[in-house]
Amino acid sequence: AISEFKQPDNAAKLKAAVSEVDGAADPMQAMMMRAAKLIPMVQEILAGPMKEYGFEGDGAVMAGVAQIQAHAGANDTIKDGVAAIYAALGGNVAALENFKAGEVEEEVCD
């Protein structure tokens, strides 16, 4: 799922949204705008991969991410992937860009 964020179109959309809201003069307003813009974008990006695992509909994407986090246990790669998704929700798109795509899927499938 993290690899979806590395797709050029998705990365560009997220970066544009962060740039737009970071221009707000009031930090509280920027935080609210960031949540209003980024949460739906992240959910849309993750909707396809999460649907493959039975998470679909309103709120299902974030519920799925929360379940992945709860089951990560001692798997640092999965924990780091979930942390990168939550960081993106907060406006830190670089966390997703810097995450090594494919590590989560490889470890889960092994």
N, C-alpha and C. Protein backbone atom coordinates (compact mmCIF):
# COMPACT_ATOMS: atom_id res chain seq x y z
N ALA A 1 0.82 -1.20 0.00
CA ALA A 1 0.00 0.00 0.00
C ALA A 1 0.86 1.26 0.00
N ILE A 2 1.99 1.19 0.66
CA ILE A 2 2.87 2.38 0.72
C ILE A 2 3.33 2.75 -0.69
N SER A 3 3.51 1.75 -1.54
CA SER A 3 3.98 2.03 -2.89
C SER A 3 2.99 2.91 -3.66
N GLU A 4 1.73 2.91 -3.27
CA GLU A 4 0.74 3.78 -3.91
C GLU A 4 1.10 5.25 -3.74
N PHE A 5 1.72 5.58 -2.63
CA PHE A 5 2.08 6.97 -2.37
C PHE A 5 3.28 7.41 -3.21
N LYS A 6 4.03 6.44 -3.71
CA LYS A 6 5.20 6.75 -4.52
C LYS A 6 4.84 6.97 -5.99
N GLN A 7 3.60 6.67 -6.35
CA GLN A 7 3.15 6.94 -7.71
C GLN A 7 3.22 8.45 -7.94
N PRO A 8 3.80 8.88 -9.07
CA PRO A 8 4.00 10.33 -9.29
C PRO A 8 2.75 11.18 -9.12
N ASP A 9 1.61 10.71 -9.62
CA ASP A 9 0.37 11.50 -9.50
C ASP A 9 -0.05 11.66 -8.05
N ASN A 10 0.01 10.56 -7.29
CA ASN A 10 -0.38 10.62 -5.89
C ASN A 10 0.57 11.49 -5.08
N ALA A 11 1.87 11.34 -5.30
CA ALA A 11 2.86 12.14 -4.58
C ALA A 11 2.66 13.62 -4.89
N ALA A 12 2.42 13.94 -6.16
CA ALA A 12 2.22 15.34 -6.55
C ALA A 12 0.98 15.94 -5.89
N LYS A 13 -0.11 15.16 -5.84
CA LYS A 13 -1.35 15.65 -5.20
C LYS A 13 -1.11 15.95 -3.72
N LEU A 14 -0.44 15.03 -3.04
CA LEU A 14 -0.19 15.23 -1.61
C LEU A 14 0.70 16.44 -1.36
N LYS A 15 1.76 16.56 -2.15
CA LYS A 15 2.67 17.71 -1.99
C LYS A 15 1.94 19.03 -2.26
N ALA A 16 1.10 19.04 -3.28
CA ALA A 16 0.36 20.26 -3.60
C ALA A 16 -0.59 20.63 -2.46
N ALA A 17 -1.24 19.65 -1.89
CA ALA A 17 -2.16 19.91 -0.78
C ALA A 17 -1.41 20.45 0.43
N VAL A 18 -0.25 19.87 0.74
CA VAL A 18 0.55 20.34 1.88
C VAL A 18 1.01 21.76 1.64
N SER A 19 1.48 22.05 0.44
CA SER A 19 1.94 23.41 0.11
C SER A 19 0.81 24.42 0.25
N GLU A 20 -0.37 24.03 -0.18
CA GLU A 20 -1.53 24.92 -0.11
C GLU A 20 -1.88 25.26 1.34
N VAL A 21 -1.95 24.26 2.19
CA VAL A 21 -2.37 24.52 3.57
C VAL A 21 -1.25 25.14 4.40
N ASP A 22 -0.01 24.85 4.07
CA ASP A 22 1.09 25.44 4.83
C ASP A 22 1.21 26.94 4.60
N GLY A 23 0.51 27.45 3.59
CA GLY A 23 0.52 28.88 3.32
C GLY A 23 -0.43 29.66 4.22
N ALA A 24 -1.23 28.97 5.01
CA ALA A 24 -2.18 29.65 5.89
C ALA A 24 -1.42 30.39 7.00
N ALA A 25 -1.85 31.60 7.27
CA ALA A 25 -1.18 32.44 8.26
C ALA A 25 -1.37 31.92 9.69
N ASP A 26 -2.53 31.39 9.96
CA ASP A 26 -2.86 30.90 11.30
C ASP A 26 -2.49 29.41 11.41
N PRO A 27 -1.58 29.05 12.33
CA PRO A 27 -1.18 27.64 12.46
C PRO A 27 -2.34 26.70 12.78
N MET A 28 -3.29 27.13 13.57
CA MET A 28 -4.44 26.30 13.89
C MET A 28 -5.29 26.06 12.65
N GLN A 29 -5.46 27.11 11.85
CA GLN A 29 -6.20 26.97 10.61
C GLN A 29 -5.47 26.02 9.66
N ALA A 30 -4.15 26.13 9.60
CA ALA A 30 -3.35 25.24 8.74
C ALA A 30 -3.52 23.79 9.16
N MET A 31 -3.53 23.54 10.47
CA MET A 31 -3.70 22.19 10.97
C MET A 31 -5.07 21.63 10.59
N MET A 32 -6.11 22.43 10.73
CA MET A 32 -7.46 21.99 10.38
C MET A 32 -7.59 21.77 8.88
N MET A 33 -7.00 22.67 8.10
CA MET A 33 -7.04 22.52 6.64
C MET A 33 -6.28 21.27 6.20
N ARG A 34 -5.15 21.02 6.86
CA ARG A 34 -4.33 19.85 6.53
C ARG A 34 -5.15 18.56 6.75
N ALA A 35 -5.83 18.50 7.87
CA ALA A 35 -6.67 17.32 8.15
C ALA A 35 -7.81 17.20 7.15
N ALA A 36 -8.44 18.33 6.84
CA ALA A 36 -9.57 18.31 5.92
C ALA A 36 -9.16 17.89 4.52
N LYS A 37 -7.96 18.23 4.11
CA LYS A 37 -7.49 17.89 2.76
C LYS A 37 -6.78 16.55 2.71
N LEU A 38 -5.89 16.31 3.65
CA LEU A 38 -5.02 15.14 3.55
C LEU A 38 -5.70 13.83 3.92
N ILE A 39 -6.53 13.84 4.93
CA ILE A 39 -7.17 12.59 5.35
C ILE A 39 -7.97 11.97 4.20
N PRO A 40 -8.84 12.74 3.51
CA PRO A 40 -9.56 12.13 2.38
C PRO A 40 -8.63 11.68 1.25
N MET A 41 -7.54 12.44 1.01
CA MET A 41 -6.61 12.05 -0.05
C MET A 41 -5.90 10.74 0.29
N VAL A 42 -5.44 10.61 1.51
CA VAL A 42 -4.76 9.39 1.94
C VAL A 42 -5.73 8.21 1.89
N GLN A 43 -6.96 8.43 2.33
CA GLN A 43 -7.95 7.36 2.29
C GLN A 43 -8.24 6.94 0.84
N GLU A 44 -8.32 7.90 -0.05
CA GLU A 44 -8.56 7.59 -1.46
C GLU A 44 -7.41 6.77 -2.05
N ILE A 45 -6.19 7.17 -1.74
CA ILE A 45 -5.01 6.47 -2.25
C ILE A 45 -4.96 5.03 -1.73
N LEU A 46 -5.33 4.84 -0.48
CA LEU A 46 -5.27 3.51 0.12
C LEU A 46 -6.51 2.65 -0.14
N ALA A 47 -7.57 3.25 -0.66
CA ALA A 47 -8.84 2.53 -0.81
C ALA A 47 -8.70 1.26 -1.65
N GLY A 48 -8.01 1.33 -2.77
CA GLY A 48 -7.87 0.16 -3.63
C GLY A 48 -7.14 -0.99 -2.95
N PRO A 49 -5.92 -0.74 -2.47
CA PRO A 49 -5.19 -1.83 -1.80
C PRO A 49 -5.92 -2.37 -0.57
N MET A 50 -6.56 -1.49 0.19
CA MET A 50 -7.24 -1.95 1.40
C MET A 50 -8.49 -2.76 1.06
N LYS A 51 -9.16 -2.42 -0.04
CA LYS A 51 -10.35 -3.16 -0.47
C LYS A 51 -9.99 -4.61 -0.77
N GLU A 52 -8.79 -4.82 -1.31
CA GLU A 52 -8.33 -6.17 -1.62
C GLU A 52 -8.29 -7.05 -0.37
N TYR A 53 -8.17 -6.43 0.80
CA TYR A 53 -8.09 -7.17 2.06
C TYR A 53 -9.37 -7.06 2.87
N GLY A 54 -10.47 -6.62 2.22
CA GLY A 54 -11.76 -6.60 2.87
C GLY A 54 -12.12 -5.32 3.60
N PHE A 55 -11.31 -4.29 3.46
CA PHE A 55 -11.62 -3.02 4.12
C PHE A 55 -12.18 -2.07 3.08
N GLU A 56 -13.50 -1.88 3.10
CA GLU A 56 -14.10 -0.97 2.14
C GLU A 56 -15.27 -0.24 2.77
N GLY A 57 -15.52 0.97 2.28
CA GLY A 57 -16.60 1.79 2.81
C GLY A 57 -16.07 2.89 3.71
N ASP A 58 -16.98 3.69 4.21
CA ASP A 58 -16.62 4.83 5.06
C ASP A 58 -15.86 4.38 6.30
N GLY A 59 -14.71 4.96 6.50
CA GLY A 59 -13.91 4.68 7.69
C GLY A 59 -13.13 3.39 7.64
N ALA A 60 -13.32 2.59 6.60
CA ALA A 60 -12.67 1.28 6.54
C ALA A 60 -11.17 1.38 6.35
N VAL A 61 -10.72 2.36 5.60
CA VAL A 61 -9.28 2.48 5.34
C VAL A 61 -8.53 2.73 6.64
N MET A 62 -8.97 3.68 7.41
CA MET A 62 -8.27 3.99 8.65
C MET A 62 -8.43 2.86 9.66
N ALA A 63 -9.57 2.19 9.64
CA ALA A 63 -9.75 1.03 10.52
C ALA A 63 -8.77 -0.07 10.13
N GLY A 64 -8.57 -0.24 8.83
CA GLY A 64 -7.60 -1.23 8.35
C GLY A 64 -6.18 -0.89 8.75
N VAL A 65 -5.82 0.38 8.61
CA VAL A 65 -4.48 0.83 9.01
C VAL A 65 -4.29 0.60 10.51
N ALA A 66 -5.31 0.89 11.29
CA ALA A 66 -5.23 0.68 12.74
C ALA A 66 -5.07 -0.80 13.06
N GLN A 67 -5.75 -1.67 12.33
CA GLN A 67 -5.61 -3.11 12.57
C GLN A 67 -4.22 -3.60 12.18
N ILE A 68 -3.69 -3.07 11.09
CA ILE A 68 -2.33 -3.43 10.69
C ILE A 68 -1.36 -3.02 11.79
N GLN A 69 -1.54 -1.82 12.30
CA GLN A 69 -0.68 -1.33 13.37
C GLN A 69 -0.79 -2.22 14.61
N ALA A 70 -2.00 -2.62 14.95
CA ALA A 70 -2.20 -3.45 16.14
C ALA A 70 -1.57 -4.84 15.99
N HIS A 71 -1.50 -5.34 14.78
CA HIS A 71 -0.96 -6.68 14.54
C HIS A 71 0.51 -6.67 14.13
N ALA A 72 1.11 -5.51 14.08
CA ALA A 72 2.51 -5.41 13.64
C ALA A 72 3.46 -6.11 14.61
N GLY A 73 3.09 -6.13 15.89
CA GLY A 73 3.93 -6.78 16.89
C GLY A 73 5.35 -6.25 16.87
N ALA A 74 6.29 -7.13 16.71
CA ALA A 74 7.70 -6.75 16.74
C ALA A 74 8.24 -6.47 15.34
N ASN A 75 7.39 -6.37 14.34
CA ASN A 75 7.84 -6.13 12.98
C ASN A 75 8.04 -4.63 12.77
N ASP A 76 9.28 -4.21 12.86
CA ASP A 76 9.61 -2.78 12.76
C ASP A 76 9.27 -2.21 11.39
N THR A 77 9.38 -3.00 10.34
CA THR A 77 9.07 -2.49 9.00
C THR A 77 7.60 -2.11 8.88
N ILE A 78 6.74 -2.97 9.40
CA ILE A 78 5.31 -2.65 9.35
C ILE A 78 5.01 -1.45 10.24
N LYS A 79 5.59 -1.42 11.43
CA LYS A 79 5.39 -0.27 12.31
C LYS A 79 5.84 1.01 11.64
N ASP A 80 6.98 0.98 10.97
CA ASP A 80 7.49 2.17 10.29
C ASP A 80 6.58 2.58 9.14
N GLY A 81 6.01 1.60 8.43
CA GLY A 81 5.08 1.90 7.34
C GLY A 81 3.82 2.59 7.85
N VAL A 82 3.27 2.07 8.93
CA VAL A 82 2.07 2.69 9.51
C VAL A 82 2.41 4.09 10.03
N ALA A 83 3.57 4.23 10.64
CA ALA A 83 3.99 5.56 11.12
C ALA A 83 4.12 6.54 9.96
N ALA A 84 4.60 6.06 8.82
CA ALA A 84 4.73 6.93 7.65
C ALA A 84 3.36 7.37 7.14
N ILE A 85 2.39 6.48 7.19
CA ILE A 85 1.03 6.85 6.77
C ILE A 85 0.46 7.91 7.71
N TYR A 86 0.61 7.70 9.03
CA TYR A 86 0.12 8.69 9.98
C TYR A 86 0.87 10.02 9.85
N ALA A 87 2.16 9.96 9.54
CA ALA A 87 2.94 11.19 9.34
C ALA A 87 2.40 11.95 8.13
N ALA A 88 2.04 11.23 7.08
CA ALA A 88 1.48 11.88 5.90
C ALA A 88 0.15 12.55 6.22
N LEU A 89 -0.64 11.92 7.07
CA LEU A 89 -1.90 12.53 7.49
C LEU A 89 -1.67 13.86 8.19
N GLY A 90 -0.51 13.97 8.84
CA GLY A 90 -0.15 15.21 9.52
C GLY A 90 0.58 16.21 8.63
N GLY A 91 0.79 15.84 7.37
CA GLY A 91 1.44 16.76 6.44
C GLY A 91 2.88 16.42 6.11
N ASN A 92 3.43 15.39 6.72
CA ASN A 92 4.82 14.99 6.46
C ASN A 92 4.85 13.96 5.32
N VAL A 93 4.69 14.46 4.09
CA VAL A 93 4.67 13.59 2.92
C VAL A 93 6.04 12.95 2.70
N ALA A 94 7.09 13.60 3.13
CA ALA A 94 8.44 13.06 2.97
C ALA A 94 8.60 11.71 3.68
N ALA A 95 7.85 11.49 4.74
CA ALA A 95 7.93 10.21 5.45
C ALA A 95 7.55 9.06 4.53
N LEU A 96 6.57 9.28 3.67
CA LEU A 96 6.17 8.25 2.72
C LEU A 96 7.19 8.10 1.60
N GLU A 97 7.72 9.24 1.15
CA GLU A 97 8.71 9.21 0.07
C GLU A 97 9.98 8.48 0.52
N ASN A 98 10.34 8.65 1.78
CA ASN A 98 11.57 8.07 2.29
C ASN A 98 11.43 6.62 2.72
N PHE A 99 10.20 6.16 2.85
CA PHE A 99 9.97 4.77 3.23
C PHE A 99 10.33 3.88 2.06
N LYS A 100 11.01 2.79 2.31
CA LYS A 100 11.43 1.88 1.25
C LYS A 100 10.26 1.02 0.83
N ALA A 101 9.72 1.30 -0.35
CA ALA A 101 8.55 0.57 -0.88
C ALA A 101 8.87 -0.90 -1.06
N GLY A 102 7.88 -1.72 -0.78
CA GLY A 102 8.01 -3.15 -0.99
C GLY A 102 8.41 -3.92 0.24
N GLU A 103 9.06 -3.30 1.21
CA GLU A 103 9.52 -4.04 2.38
C GLU A 103 8.36 -4.62 3.16
N VAL A 104 7.28 -3.84 3.30
CA VAL A 104 6.15 -4.32 4.08
C VAL A 104 5.52 -5.52 3.40
N GLU A 105 5.23 -5.42 2.09
CA GLU A 105 4.58 -6.52 1.39
C GLU A 105 5.45 -7.78 1.42
N GLU A 106 6.75 -7.62 1.23
CA GLU A 106 7.64 -8.78 1.23
C GLU A 106 7.63 -9.48 2.58
N GLU A 107 7.69 -8.73 3.65
CA GLU A 107 7.74 -9.34 4.97
C GLU A 107 6.42 -9.97 5.36
N VAL A 108 5.31 -9.34 4.96
CA VAL A 108 4.00 -9.89 5.29
C VAL A 108 3.78 -11.20 4.54
N CYS A 109 4.26 -11.28 3.30
CA CYS A 109 4.03 -12.46 2.48
C CYS A 109 4.98 -13.60 2.80
N ASP A 110 6.10 -13.32 3.44
CA ASP A 110 7.08 -14.38 3.73
C ASP A 110 6.59 -15.33 4.80
